[in-house]
mmCIF file of all heavy atoms, coordinates in Angstrom:
data_MODEL
# 
_entry.id   MODEL 
# 
loop_
_atom_site.group_PDB 
_atom_site.id 
_atom_site.type_symbol 
_atom_site.label_atom_id 
_atom_site.label_alt_id 
_atom_site.label_comp_id 
_atom_site.label_asym_id 
_atom_site.label_entity_id 
_atom_site.label_seq_id 
_atom_site.pdbx_PDB_ins_code 
_atom_site.Cartn_x 
_atom_site.Cartn_y 
_atom_site.Cartn_z 
_atom_site.occupancy 
_atom_site.B_iso_or_equiv 
_atom_site.pdbx_formal_charge 
_atom_site.auth_seq_id 
_atom_site.auth_comp_id 
_atom_site.auth_asym_id 
_atom_site.auth_atom_id 
_atom_site.pdbx_PDB_model_num 
ATOM 1   N N   . LEU A 1 1  ? 0.827  -1.215 0.000   1.00 0.00 ? 1  LEU A N   1 
ATOM 2   C CA  . LEU A 1 1  ? 0.000  0.000  0.000   1.00 0.00 ? 1  LEU A CA  1 
ATOM 3   C C   . LEU A 1 1  ? 0.857  1.260  0.000   1.00 0.00 ? 1  LEU A C   1 
ATOM 4   O O   . LEU A 1 1  ? 0.557  2.224  -0.700  1.00 0.00 ? 1  LEU A O   1 
ATOM 5   C CB  . LEU A 1 1  ? -0.952 -0.006 1.197   1.00 0.00 ? 1  LEU A CB  1 
ATOM 6   C CG  . LEU A 1 1  ? -2.089 -1.013 1.144   1.00 0.00 ? 1  LEU A CG  1 
ATOM 7   C CD1 . LEU A 1 1  ? -2.835 -1.023 2.474   1.00 0.00 ? 1  LEU A CD1 1 
ATOM 8   C CD2 . LEU A 1 1  ? -3.027 -0.704 0.001   1.00 0.00 ? 1  LEU A CD2 1 
ATOM 9   N N   . ILE A 1 2  ? 1.913  1.261  0.777   1.00 0.00 ? 2  ILE A N   1 
ATOM 10  C CA  . ILE A 1 2  ? 2.806  2.430  0.840   1.00 0.00 ? 2  ILE A CA  1 
ATOM 11  C C   . ILE A 1 2  ? 3.475  2.648  -0.515  1.00 0.00 ? 2  ILE A C   1 
ATOM 12  O O   . ILE A 1 2  ? 3.516  3.773  -1.023  1.00 0.00 ? 2  ILE A O   1 
ATOM 13  C CB  . ILE A 1 2  ? 3.852  2.257  1.956   1.00 0.00 ? 2  ILE A CB  1 
ATOM 14  C CG1 . ILE A 1 2  ? 3.159  2.347  3.314   1.00 0.00 ? 2  ILE A CG1 1 
ATOM 15  C CG2 . ILE A 1 2  ? 4.952  3.309  1.842   1.00 0.00 ? 2  ILE A CG2 1 
ATOM 16  C CD1 . ILE A 1 2  ? 4.034  1.959  4.481   1.00 0.00 ? 2  ILE A CD1 1 
ATOM 17  N N   . ILE A 1 3  ? 3.989  1.591  -1.130  1.00 0.00 ? 3  ILE A N   1 
ATOM 18  C CA  . ILE A 1 3  ? 4.653  1.706  -2.430  1.00 0.00 ? 3  ILE A CA  1 
ATOM 19  C C   . ILE A 1 3  ? 3.677  2.206  -3.489  1.00 0.00 ? 3  ILE A C   1 
ATOM 20  O O   . ILE A 1 3  ? 3.994  3.098  -4.275  1.00 0.00 ? 3  ILE A O   1 
ATOM 21  C CB  . ILE A 1 3  ? 5.266  0.348  -2.854  1.00 0.00 ? 3  ILE A CB  1 
ATOM 22  C CG1 . ILE A 1 3  ? 6.372  -0.060 -1.900  1.00 0.00 ? 3  ILE A CG1 1 
ATOM 23  C CG2 . ILE A 1 3  ? 5.753  0.389  -4.289  1.00 0.00 ? 3  ILE A CG2 1 
ATOM 24  C CD1 . ILE A 1 3  ? 7.544  0.890  -1.850  1.00 0.00 ? 3  ILE A CD1 1 
ATOM 25  N N   . ASN A 1 4  ? 2.468  1.667  -3.520  1.00 0.00 ? 4  ASN A N   1 
ATOM 26  C CA  . ASN A 1 4  ? 1.466  2.114  -4.496  1.00 0.00 ? 4  ASN A CA  1 
ATOM 27  C C   . ASN A 1 4  ? 1.093  3.568  -4.284  1.00 0.00 ? 4  ASN A C   1 
ATOM 28  O O   . ASN A 1 4  ? 0.900  4.313  -5.241  1.00 0.00 ? 4  ASN A O   1 
ATOM 29  C CB  . ASN A 1 4  ? 0.216  1.234  -4.427  1.00 0.00 ? 4  ASN A CB  1 
ATOM 30  C CG  . ASN A 1 4  ? 0.430  -0.114 -5.050  1.00 0.00 ? 4  ASN A CG  1 
ATOM 31  O OD1 . ASN A 1 4  ? 1.308  -0.284 -5.877  1.00 0.00 ? 4  ASN A OD1 1 
ATOM 32  N ND2 . ASN A 1 4  ? -0.369 -1.081 -4.641  1.00 0.00 ? 4  ASN A ND2 1 
ATOM 33  N N   . SER A 1 5  ? 1.002  3.987  -3.049  1.00 0.00 ? 5  SER A N   1 
ATOM 34  C CA  . SER A 1 5  ? 0.672  5.376  -2.743  1.00 0.00 ? 5  SER A CA  1 
ATOM 35  C C   . SER A 1 5  ? 1.772  6.313  -3.241  1.00 0.00 ? 5  SER A C   1 
ATOM 36  O O   . SER A 1 5  ? 1.498  7.344  -3.854  1.00 0.00 ? 5  SER A O   1 
ATOM 37  C CB  . SER A 1 5  ? 0.472  5.547  -1.236  1.00 0.00 ? 5  SER A CB  1 
ATOM 38  O OG  . SER A 1 5  ? 0.272  6.899  -0.916  1.00 0.00 ? 5  SER A OG  1 
ATOM 39  N N   . LEU A 1 6  ? 3.010  5.959  -2.982  1.00 0.00 ? 6  LEU A N   1 
ATOM 40  C CA  . LEU A 1 6  ? 4.133  6.788  -3.434  1.00 0.00 ? 6  LEU A CA  1 
ATOM 41  C C   . LEU A 1 6  ? 4.218  6.822  -4.953  1.00 0.00 ? 6  LEU A C   1 
ATOM 42  O O   . LEU A 1 6  ? 4.474  7.870  -5.543  1.00 0.00 ? 6  LEU A O   1 
ATOM 43  C CB  . LEU A 1 6  ? 5.444  6.265  -2.846  1.00 0.00 ? 6  LEU A CB  1 
ATOM 44  C CG  . LEU A 1 6  ? 5.612  6.425  -1.341  1.00 0.00 ? 6  LEU A CG  1 
ATOM 45  C CD1 . LEU A 1 6  ? 6.891  5.736  -0.881  1.00 0.00 ? 6  LEU A CD1 1 
ATOM 46  C CD2 . LEU A 1 6  ? 5.610  7.887  -0.942  1.00 0.00 ? 6  LEU A CD2 1 
ATOM 47  N N   . ALA A 1 7  ? 3.998  5.701  -5.592  1.00 0.00 ? 7  ALA A N   1 
ATOM 48  C CA  . ALA A 1 7  ? 4.069  5.637  -7.054  1.00 0.00 ? 7  ALA A CA  1 
ATOM 49  C C   . ALA A 1 7  ? 2.983  6.488  -7.685  1.00 0.00 ? 7  ALA A C   1 
ATOM 50  O O   . ALA A 1 7  ? 3.215  7.180  -8.676  1.00 0.00 ? 7  ALA A O   1 
ATOM 51  C CB  . ALA A 1 7  ? 3.957  4.197  -7.526  1.00 0.00 ? 7  ALA A CB  1 
ATOM 52  N N   . SER A 1 8  ? 1.787  6.479  -7.136  1.00 0.00 ? 8  SER A N   1 
ATOM 53  C CA  . SER A 1 8  ? 0.702  7.256  -7.721  1.00 0.00 ? 8  SER A CA  1 
ATOM 54  C C   . SER A 1 8  ? 0.911  8.749  -7.511  1.00 0.00 ? 8  SER A C   1 
ATOM 55  O O   . SER A 1 8  ? 0.514  9.555  -8.332  1.00 0.00 ? 8  SER A O   1 
ATOM 56  C CB  . SER A 1 8  ? -0.651 6.828  -7.146  1.00 0.00 ? 8  SER A CB  1 
ATOM 57  O OG  . SER A 1 8  ? -0.740 7.160  -5.780  1.00 0.00 ? 8  SER A OG  1 
ATOM 58  N N   . GLN A 1 9  ? 1.550  9.148  -6.437  1.00 0.00 ? 9  GLN A N   1 
ATOM 59  C CA  . GLN A 1 9  ? 1.834  10.560 -6.204  1.00 0.00 ? 9  GLN A CA  1 
ATOM 60  C C   . GLN A 1 9  ? 2.820  11.089 -7.224  1.00 0.00 ? 9  GLN A C   1 
ATOM 61  O O   . GLN A 1 9  ? 2.723  12.225 -7.665  1.00 0.00 ? 9  GLN A O   1 
ATOM 62  C CB  . GLN A 1 9  ? 2.405  10.767 -4.801  1.00 0.00 ? 9  GLN A CB  1 
ATOM 63  C CG  . GLN A 1 9  ? 1.395  10.602 -3.703  1.00 0.00 ? 9  GLN A CG  1 
ATOM 64  C CD  . GLN A 1 9  ? 2.017  10.741 -2.331  1.00 0.00 ? 9  GLN A CD  1 
ATOM 65  O OE1 . GLN A 1 9  ? 3.216  10.959 -2.206  1.00 0.00 ? 9  GLN A OE1 1 
ATOM 66  N NE2 . GLN A 1 9  ? 1.215  10.605 -1.305  1.00 0.00 ? 9  GLN A NE2 1 
ATOM 67  N N   . ASN A 1 10 ? 3.791  10.292 -7.609  1.00 0.00 ? 10 ASN A N   1 
ATOM 68  C CA  . ASN A 1 10 ? 4.829  10.736 -8.531  1.00 0.00 ? 10 ASN A CA  1 
ATOM 69  C C   . ASN A 1 10 ? 4.433  10.628 -9.991  1.00 0.00 ? 10 ASN A C   1 
ATOM 70  O O   . ASN A 1 10 ? 5.092  11.174 -10.846 1.00 0.00 ? 10 ASN A O   1 
ATOM 71  C CB  . ASN A 1 10 ? 6.105  9.937  -8.299  1.00 0.00 ? 10 ASN A CB  1 
ATOM 72  C CG  . ASN A 1 10 ? 6.764  10.291 -6.991  1.00 0.00 ? 10 ASN A CG  1 
ATOM 73  O OD1 . ASN A 1 10 ? 6.601  11.401 -6.494  1.00 0.00 ? 10 ASN A OD1 1 
ATOM 74  N ND2 . ASN A 1 10 ? 7.492  9.358  -6.421  1.00 0.00 ? 10 ASN A ND2 1 
ATOM 75  N N   . SER A 1 11 ? 3.349  9.949  -10.304 1.00 0.00 ? 11 SER A N   1 
ATOM 76  C CA  . SER A 1 11 ? 3.004  9.743  -11.696 1.00 0.00 ? 11 SER A CA  1 
ATOM 77  C C   . SER A 1 11 ? 2.110  10.847 -12.264 1.00 0.00 ? 11 SER A C   1 
ATOM 78  O O   . SER A 1 11 ? 1.944  10.945 -13.460 1.00 0.00 ? 11 SER A O   1 
ATOM 79  C CB  . SER A 1 11 ? 2.323  8.383  -11.874 1.00 0.00 ? 11 SER A CB  1 
ATOM 80  O OG  . SER A 1 11 ? 1.113  8.354  -11.158 1.00 0.00 ? 11 SER A OG  1 
ATOM 81  N N   . THR A 1 12 ? 1.530  11.672 -11.422 1.00 0.00 ? 12 THR A N   1 
ATOM 82  C CA  . THR A 1 12 ? 0.657  12.737 -11.884 1.00 0.00 ? 12 THR A CA  1 
ATOM 83  C C   . THR A 1 12 ? 1.399  14.070 -11.797 1.00 0.00 ? 12 THR A C   1 
ATOM 84  O O   . THR A 1 12 ? 1.703  14.528 -10.709 1.00 0.00 ? 12 THR A O   1 
ATOM 85  C CB  . THR A 1 12 ? -0.630 12.805 -11.032 1.00 0.00 ? 12 THR A CB  1 
ATOM 86  O OG1 . THR A 1 12 ? -1.233 11.519 -11.029 1.00 0.00 ? 12 THR A OG1 1 
ATOM 87  C CG2 . THR A 1 12 ? -1.584 13.842 -11.567 1.00 0.00 ? 12 THR A CG2 1 
ATOM 88  N N   . PRO A 1 13 ? 1.704  14.670 -12.935 1.00 0.00 ? 13 PRO A N   1 
ATOM 89  C CA  . PRO A 1 13 ? 2.422  15.948 -12.878 1.00 0.00 ? 13 PRO A CA  1 
ATOM 90  C C   . PRO A 1 13 ? 1.547  17.070 -12.323 1.00 0.00 ? 13 PRO A C   1 
ATOM 91  O O   . PRO A 1 13 ? 0.323  17.057 -12.464 1.00 0.00 ? 13 PRO A O   1 
ATOM 92  C CB  . PRO A 1 13 ? 2.788  16.234 -14.334 1.00 0.00 ? 13 PRO A CB  1 
ATOM 93  C CG  . PRO A 1 13 ? 1.989  15.300 -15.149 1.00 0.00 ? 13 PRO A CG  1 
ATOM 94  C CD  . PRO A 1 13 ? 1.455  14.225 -14.272 1.00 0.00 ? 13 PRO A CD  1 
ATOM 95  N N   . THR A 1 14 ? 2.191  18.016 -11.681 1.00 0.00 ? 14 THR A N   1 
ATOM 96  C CA  . THR A 1 14 ? 1.501  19.187 -11.189 1.00 0.00 ? 14 THR A CA  1 
ATOM 97  C C   . THR A 1 14 ? 1.144  20.075 -12.367 1.00 0.00 ? 14 THR A C   1 
ATOM 98  O O   . THR A 1 14 ? 1.947  20.268 -13.275 1.00 0.00 ? 14 THR A O   1 
ATOM 99  C CB  . THR A 1 14 ? 2.409  19.971 -10.212 1.00 0.00 ? 14 THR A CB  1 
ATOM 100 O OG1 . THR A 1 14 ? 2.755  19.105 -9.134  1.00 0.00 ? 14 THR A OG1 1 
ATOM 101 C CG2 . THR A 1 14 ? 1.728  21.199 -9.682  1.00 0.00 ? 14 THR A CG2 1 
ATOM 102 N N   . VAL A 1 15 ? -0.064 20.617 -12.360 1.00 0.00 ? 15 VAL A N   1 
ATOM 103 C CA  . VAL A 1 15 ? -0.527 21.497 -13.429 1.00 0.00 ? 15 VAL A CA  1 
ATOM 104 C C   . VAL A 1 15 ? -0.686 22.895 -12.842 1.00 0.00 ? 15 VAL A C   1 
ATOM 105 O O   . VAL A 1 15 ? -1.271 23.074 -11.776 1.00 0.00 ? 15 VAL A O   1 
ATOM 106 C CB  . VAL A 1 15 ? -1.868 21.000 -14.014 1.00 0.00 ? 15 VAL A CB  1 
ATOM 107 C CG1 . VAL A 1 15 ? -2.390 21.953 -15.069 1.00 0.00 ? 15 VAL A CG1 1 
ATOM 108 C CG2 . VAL A 1 15 ? -1.704 19.605 -14.595 1.00 0.00 ? 15 VAL A CG2 1 
ATOM 109 N N   . VAL A 1 16 ? -0.134 23.898 -13.535 1.00 0.00 ? 16 VAL A N   1 
ATOM 110 C CA  . VAL A 1 16 ? -0.208 25.290 -13.090 1.00 0.00 ? 16 VAL A CA  1 
ATOM 111 C C   . VAL A 1 16 ? -0.706 26.170 -14.236 1.00 0.00 ? 16 VAL A C   1 
ATOM 112 O O   . VAL A 1 16 ? -0.649 25.786 -15.395 1.00 0.00 ? 16 VAL A O   1 
ATOM 113 C CB  . VAL A 1 16 ? 1.167  25.801 -12.595 1.00 0.00 ? 16 VAL A CB  1 
ATOM 114 C CG1 . VAL A 1 16 ? 1.627  25.018 -11.369 1.00 0.00 ? 16 VAL A CG1 1 
ATOM 115 C CG2 . VAL A 1 16 ? 2.213  25.717 -13.686 1.00 0.00 ? 16 VAL A CG2 1 
ATOM 116 N N   . THR A 1 17 ? -1.181 27.357 -13.888 1.00 0.00 ? 17 THR A N   1 
ATOM 117 C CA  . THR A 1 17 ? -1.688 28.305 -14.880 1.00 0.00 ? 17 THR A CA  1 
ATOM 118 C C   . THR A 1 17 ? -0.709 29.461 -15.035 1.00 0.00 ? 17 THR A C   1 
ATOM 119 O O   . THR A 1 17 ? -0.260 30.039 -14.046 1.00 0.00 ? 17 THR A O   1 
ATOM 120 C CB  . THR A 1 17 ? -3.069 28.843 -14.443 1.00 0.00 ? 17 THR A CB  1 
ATOM 121 O OG1 . THR A 1 17 ? -3.943 27.725 -14.254 1.00 0.00 ? 17 THR A OG1 1 
ATOM 122 C CG2 . THR A 1 17 ? -3.647 29.776 -15.489 1.00 0.00 ? 17 THR A CG2 1 
ATOM 123 N N   . ALA A 1 18 ? -0.390 29.807 -16.261 1.00 0.00 ? 18 ALA A N   1 
ATOM 124 C CA  . ALA A 1 18 ? 0.515  30.923 -16.541 1.00 0.00 ? 18 ALA A CA  1 
ATOM 125 C C   . ALA A 1 18 ? -0.169 32.248 -16.213 1.00 0.00 ? 18 ALA A C   1 
ATOM 126 O O   . ALA A 1 18 ? -1.323 32.461 -16.560 1.00 0.00 ? 18 ALA A O   1 
ATOM 127 C CB  . ALA A 1 18 ? 0.948  30.899 -18.003 1.00 0.00 ? 18 ALA A CB  1 
ATOM 128 N N   . GLN A 1 19 ? 0.576  33.116 -15.545 1.00 0.00 ? 19 GLN A N   1 
ATOM 129 C CA  . GLN A 1 19 ? 0.103  34.440 -15.161 1.00 0.00 ? 19 GLN A CA  1 
ATOM 130 C C   . GLN A 1 19 ? 0.719  35.495 -16.087 1.00 0.00 ? 19 GLN A C   1 
ATOM 131 O O   . GLN A 1 19 ? 1.732  35.238 -16.738 1.00 0.00 ? 19 GLN A O   1 
ATOM 132 C CB  . GLN A 1 19 ? 0.518  34.735 -13.708 1.00 0.00 ? 19 GLN A CB  1 
ATOM 133 C CG  . GLN A 1 19 ? 0.031  33.699 -12.702 1.00 0.00 ? 19 GLN A CG  1 
ATOM 134 C CD  . GLN A 1 19 ? -1.478 33.592 -12.645 1.00 0.00 ? 19 GLN A CD  1 
ATOM 135 O OE1 . GLN A 1 19 ? -2.171 34.594 -12.618 1.00 0.00 ? 19 GLN A OE1 1 
ATOM 136 N NE2 . GLN A 1 19 ? -1.980 32.370 -12.655 1.00 0.00 ? 19 GLN A NE2 1 
ATOM 137 N N   . PRO A 1 20 ? 0.141  36.690 -16.140 1.00 0.00 ? 20 PRO A N   1 
ATOM 138 C CA  . PRO A 1 20 ? 0.741  37.750 -16.947 1.00 0.00 ? 20 PRO A CA  1 
ATOM 139 C C   . PRO A 1 20 ? 2.206  37.984 -16.545 1.00 0.00 ? 20 PRO A C   1 
ATOM 140 O O   . PRO A 1 20 ? 2.529  38.015 -15.364 1.00 0.00 ? 20 PRO A O   1 
ATOM 141 C CB  . PRO A 1 20 ? -0.115 38.976 -16.623 1.00 0.00 ? 20 PRO A CB  1 
ATOM 142 C CG  . PRO A 1 20 ? -1.436 38.410 -16.210 1.00 0.00 ? 20 PRO A CG  1 
ATOM 143 C CD  . PRO A 1 20 ? -1.099 37.126 -15.493 1.00 0.00 ? 20 PRO A CD  1 
ATOM 144 N N   . GLY A 1 21 ? 3.061  38.083 -17.530 1.00 0.00 ? 21 GLY A N   1 
ATOM 145 C CA  . GLY A 1 21 ? 4.483  38.314 -17.284 1.00 0.00 ? 21 GLY A CA  1 
ATOM 146 C C   . GLY A 1 21 ? 5.297  37.047 -17.083 1.00 0.00 ? 21 GLY A C   1 
ATOM 147 O O   . GLY A 1 21 ? 6.509  37.108 -16.919 1.00 0.00 ? 21 GLY A O   1 
ATOM 148 N N   . ASP A 1 22 ? 4.653  35.908 -17.076 1.00 0.00 ? 22 ASP A N   1 
ATOM 149 C CA  . ASP A 1 22 ? 5.368  34.646 -16.883 1.00 0.00 ? 22 ASP A CA  1 
ATOM 150 C C   . ASP A 1 22 ? 6.109  34.229 -18.132 1.00 0.00 ? 22 ASP A C   1 
ATOM 151 O O   . ASP A 1 22 ? 5.608  34.339 -19.247 1.00 0.00 ? 22 ASP A O   1 
ATOM 152 C CB  . ASP A 1 22 ? 4.400  33.511 -16.528 1.00 0.00 ? 22 ASP A CB  1 
ATOM 153 C CG  . ASP A 1 22 ? 4.050  33.452 -15.061 1.00 0.00 ? 22 ASP A CG  1 
ATOM 154 O OD1 . ASP A 1 22 ? 4.649  34.204 -14.266 1.00 0.00 ? 22 ASP A OD1 1 
ATOM 155 O OD2 . ASP A 1 22 ? 3.173  32.644 -14.705 1.00 0.00 ? 22 ASP A OD2 1 
ATOM 156 N N   . GLY A 1 23 ? 7.306  33.755 -17.917 1.00 0.00 ? 23 GLY A N   1 
ATOM 157 C CA  . GLY A 1 23 ? 8.060  33.015 -18.912 1.00 0.00 ? 23 GLY A CA  1 
ATOM 158 C C   . GLY A 1 23 ? 8.317  31.656 -18.289 1.00 0.00 ? 23 GLY A C   1 
ATOM 159 O O   . GLY A 1 23 ? 7.974  31.414 -17.130 1.00 0.00 ? 23 GLY A O   1 
ATOM 160 N N   . ILE A 1 24 ? 8.949  30.788 -19.027 1.00 0.00 ? 24 ILE A N   1 
ATOM 161 C CA  . ILE A 1 24 ? 9.176  29.444 -18.504 1.00 0.00 ? 24 ILE A CA  1 
ATOM 162 C C   . ILE A 1 24 ? 10.044 29.487 -17.248 1.00 0.00 ? 24 ILE A C   1 
ATOM 163 O O   . ILE A 1 24 ? 9.730  28.859 -16.242 1.00 0.00 ? 24 ILE A O   1 
ATOM 164 C CB  . ILE A 1 24 ? 9.796  28.528 -19.568 1.00 0.00 ? 24 ILE A CB  1 
ATOM 165 C CG1 . ILE A 1 24 ? 8.819  28.337 -20.732 1.00 0.00 ? 24 ILE A CG1 1 
ATOM 166 C CG2 . ILE A 1 24 ? 10.173 27.175 -18.964 1.00 0.00 ? 24 ILE A CG2 1 
ATOM 167 C CD1 . ILE A 1 24 ? 9.390  27.571 -21.914 1.00 0.00 ? 24 ILE A CD1 1 
ATOM 168 N N   . TYR A 1 25 ? 11.144 30.253 -17.280 1.00 0.00 ? 25 TYR A N   1 
ATOM 169 C CA  . TYR A 1 25 ? 12.031 30.317 -16.122 1.00 0.00 ? 25 TYR A CA  1 
ATOM 170 C C   . TYR A 1 25 ? 11.306 30.832 -14.887 1.00 0.00 ? 25 TYR A C   1 
ATOM 171 O O   . TYR A 1 25 ? 11.453 30.294 -13.788 1.00 0.00 ? 25 TYR A O   1 
ATOM 172 C CB  . TYR A 1 25 ? 13.249 31.207 -16.413 1.00 0.00 ? 25 TYR A CB  1 
ATOM 173 C CG  . TYR A 1 25 ? 14.242 30.581 -17.354 1.00 0.00 ? 25 TYR A CG  1 
ATOM 174 C CD1 . TYR A 1 25 ? 14.426 31.080 -18.632 1.00 0.00 ? 25 TYR A CD1 1 
ATOM 175 C CD2 . TYR A 1 25 ? 15.000 29.479 -16.965 1.00 0.00 ? 25 TYR A CD2 1 
ATOM 176 C CE1 . TYR A 1 25 ? 15.330 30.512 -19.503 1.00 0.00 ? 25 TYR A CE1 1 
ATOM 177 C CE2 . TYR A 1 25 ? 15.910 28.904 -17.824 1.00 0.00 ? 25 TYR A CE2 1 
ATOM 178 C CZ  . TYR A 1 25 ? 16.080 29.417 -19.089 1.00 0.00 ? 25 TYR A CZ  1 
ATOM 179 O OH  . TYR A 1 25 ? 16.985 28.846 -19.944 1.00 0.00 ? 25 TYR A OH  1 
ATOM 180 N N   . LYS A 1 26 ? 10.505 31.866 -15.054 1.00 0.00 ? 26 LYS A N   1 
ATOM 181 C CA  . LYS A 1 26 ? 9.779  32.440 -13.920 1.00 0.00 ? 26 LYS A CA  1 
ATOM 182 C C   . LYS A 1 26 ? 8.764  31.444 -13.364 1.00 0.00 ? 26 LYS A C   1 
ATOM 183 O O   . LYS A 1 26 ? 8.620  31.292 -12.148 1.00 0.00 ? 26 LYS A O   1 
ATOM 184 C CB  . LYS A 1 26 ? 9.075  33.735 -14.349 1.00 0.00 ? 26 LYS A CB  1 
ATOM 185 C CG  . LYS A 1 26 ? 8.433  34.489 -13.217 1.00 0.00 ? 26 LYS A CG  1 
ATOM 186 C CD  . LYS A 1 26 ? 7.901  35.828 -13.697 1.00 0.00 ? 26 LYS A CD  1 
ATOM 187 C CE  . LYS A 1 26 ? 7.279  36.615 -12.565 1.00 0.00 ? 26 LYS A CE  1 
ATOM 188 N NZ  . LYS A 1 26 ? 6.779  37.913 -13.037 1.00 0.00 ? 26 LYS A NZ  1 
ATOM 189 N N   . LEU A 1 27 ? 8.060  30.759 -14.241 1.00 0.00 ? 27 LEU A N   1 
ATOM 190 C CA  . LEU A 1 27 ? 7.073  29.772 -13.821 1.00 0.00 ? 27 LEU A CA  1 
ATOM 191 C C   . LEU A 1 27 ? 7.747  28.625 -13.058 1.00 0.00 ? 27 LEU A C   1 
ATOM 192 O O   . LEU A 1 27 ? 7.281  28.218 -11.993 1.00 0.00 ? 27 LEU A O   1 
ATOM 193 C CB  . LEU A 1 27 ? 6.329  29.228 -15.044 1.00 0.00 ? 27 LEU A CB  1 
ATOM 194 C CG  . LEU A 1 27 ? 5.140  28.324 -14.764 1.00 0.00 ? 27 LEU A CG  1 
ATOM 195 C CD1 . LEU A 1 27 ? 3.962  29.144 -14.232 1.00 0.00 ? 27 LEU A CD1 1 
ATOM 196 C CD2 . LEU A 1 27 ? 4.714  27.604 -16.030 1.00 0.00 ? 27 LEU A CD2 1 
# 
């Protein structure tokens, strides 16, 4: 259960929204 929990946390990338003035480095 612990291994499956850790694996599922790492498999979904974080999604963010670009704000005015953002470039890739800033984001």
